[in-house]
């Protein structure tokens, strides 16, 4: 019997086009709450389920800080909205959104001759995934301010826009900005 995410969505047959991200995207539906077993161990967060990592990123602000069950309910509602609007598996839409929102290069600061000089560097796949998830959640949270829409609707809109590689998405626009800055630092 195949695993179903939230009892509705199939996890078999999900296509990940970006090979670099593929080894860090864990689609395990059984463990959505690991109680921080990965903490303080290097690279162990790669073993976390993608949905749990999304929930952890949703818990960054006021109402959701430390409330993982509430964050998981928001994600479940957002996935229902995505399924209604796109008629696709929302997990596949999320994977496409992450692939489109993950920056390939960024800048770092080098100290040369008494000054800091920006230098373009390639991003590690795990960092690319972290930045993409963070920007998707920050974009959704920013859209809820002074807005009557719920956080689930805003998260669904952000994921759908990022999956279409739409520049109106906060995550995609942030990726383009990071890559443009890295391009100028070469």
Foldseek 3Di string as FASTA:
>chain_A
DADAAVVHFGPPPQDQPDPQQVQQAAADRPDLDPPCPQPPPPPSCSVHHLLNLLLVLLLPDDPRPVPSVVSSVLQVLLQVVLCVPVVDRSVSLQSLLLVLLFAQKAWDWDQDPNDTAIAIDGDRNVVSSNLSSNQLSVQLVVVPPPDPDDSSNSSNVLSNCSSVLHCVRRSNVVSVVRVVVNVVRD
